[in-house]
Protein backbone atom coordinates (compact mmCIF):
# COMPACT_ATOMS: atom_id res chain seq x y z
CA MET A 1 -24.57 -4.15 -19.27
CA PRO A 2 -22.68 -4.77 -15.91
CA ALA A 3 -21.03 -7.70 -15.79
CA CYS A 4 -22.32 -10.88 -13.52
CA PRO A 5 -21.04 -10.63 -9.76
CA GLU A 6 -20.72 -14.00 -10.27
CA ALA A 7 -18.11 -13.62 -12.80
CA ALA A 8 -16.59 -10.94 -10.95
CA LEU A 9 -16.05 -13.41 -8.11
CA SER A 10 -14.25 -15.79 -9.90
CA LYS A 11 -11.42 -13.45 -11.27
CA THR A 12 -10.56 -13.01 -7.34
CA LYS A 13 -6.55 -14.35 -6.09
CA PHE A 14 -8.31 -15.97 -2.94
CA LYS A 15 -11.32 -18.39 -2.59
CA MET A 16 -14.18 -18.43 0.04
CA GLY A 17 -12.62 -21.34 2.63
CA GLU A 18 -8.98 -21.01 1.62
CA ARG A 19 -6.80 -20.42 4.46
CA VAL A 20 -4.76 -16.79 4.13
CA VAL A 21 -1.61 -15.30 6.33
CA PHE A 22 -2.33 -11.20 6.83
CA THR A 23 0.24 -9.16 6.38
CA SER A 24 -1.00 -5.83 7.52
CA GLY A 25 2.32 -4.01 6.95
CA THR A 26 4.14 -1.30 9.84
CA VAL A 27 0.76 0.07 10.81
CA GLY A 28 -2.29 -1.49 12.21
CA ARG A 29 -2.48 -4.41 14.58
CA PRO A 30 -0.50 -7.37 14.00
CA GLY A 31 -1.94 -10.17 12.20
CA ALA A 32 -2.81 -14.14 14.46
CA ASP A 33 0.06 -16.94 13.85
CA ASP A 34 -2.20 -19.58 13.42
CA GLY A 35 -3.81 -17.42 9.85
CA TYR A 36 -7.20 -16.61 8.68
CA THR A 37 -9.91 -18.18 6.15
CA ILE A 38 -11.31 -16.22 3.88
CA VAL A 39 -15.27 -15.83 4.96
CA ARG A 40 -16.96 -13.30 2.25
CA ILE A 41 -15.47 -11.55 -0.52
CA LEU A 42 -16.40 -7.87 -0.75
CA PRO A 43 -16.32 -5.45 -3.36
CA LEU A 44 -13.32 -3.64 -4.91
CA GLU A 45 -12.80 -0.75 -3.00
CA GLY A 46 -10.15 1.84 -4.80
CA GLY A 47 -9.44 -0.87 -7.54
CA GLU A 48 -8.76 -3.48 -5.43
CA GLN A 49 -10.23 -6.49 -4.09
CA GLN A 50 -11.13 -6.86 -0.46
CA TYR A 51 -11.95 -9.89 1.50
CA ARG A 52 -13.59 -10.29 5.37
CA ILE A 53 -10.85 -12.64 7.09
CA LYS A 54 -11.32 -14.40 10.29
CA SER A 55 -8.89 -16.38 12.71
CA ALA A 56 -10.16 -19.21 15.24
CA SER A 57 -7.62 -17.08 17.73
CA GLU A 58 -9.42 -13.94 17.42
CA GLN A 59 -13.37 -13.07 18.09
CA HIS A 60 -13.63 -10.49 15.60
CA GLU A 61 -13.63 -10.46 11.86
CA ARG A 62 -11.20 -8.34 9.80
CA VAL A 63 -11.14 -7.05 6.15
CA ALA A 64 -8.16 -6.94 4.48
CA THR A 65 -7.13 -6.04 0.73
CA GLU A 66 -5.89 -8.64 -1.54
CA SER A 67 -2.26 -6.87 -1.41
CA GLN A 68 -2.46 -7.44 2.47
CA LEU A 69 -2.57 -11.46 1.92
CA ASP A 70 -0.38 -14.23 0.98
CA ARG A 71 -1.29 -17.77 0.61
CA ARG A 72 -0.35 -20.07 3.49
CA THR A 73 2.67 -22.20 3.01
């Protein structure tokens, strides 16, 4: 029997509404200075959790993997 989606979501590193820093790495567009908010928890892709994130200073949302995000200090 497959695991219920709610159980999978409860094991994610970040929660909906949590403020994070996007570390895009050396490739891609740089992230916003004011940080991001987790707006949706997406399914795993390639074994890594994905999130939809949004910055107040950008009009668009981004998709980021868990390894591209850090907790805001």
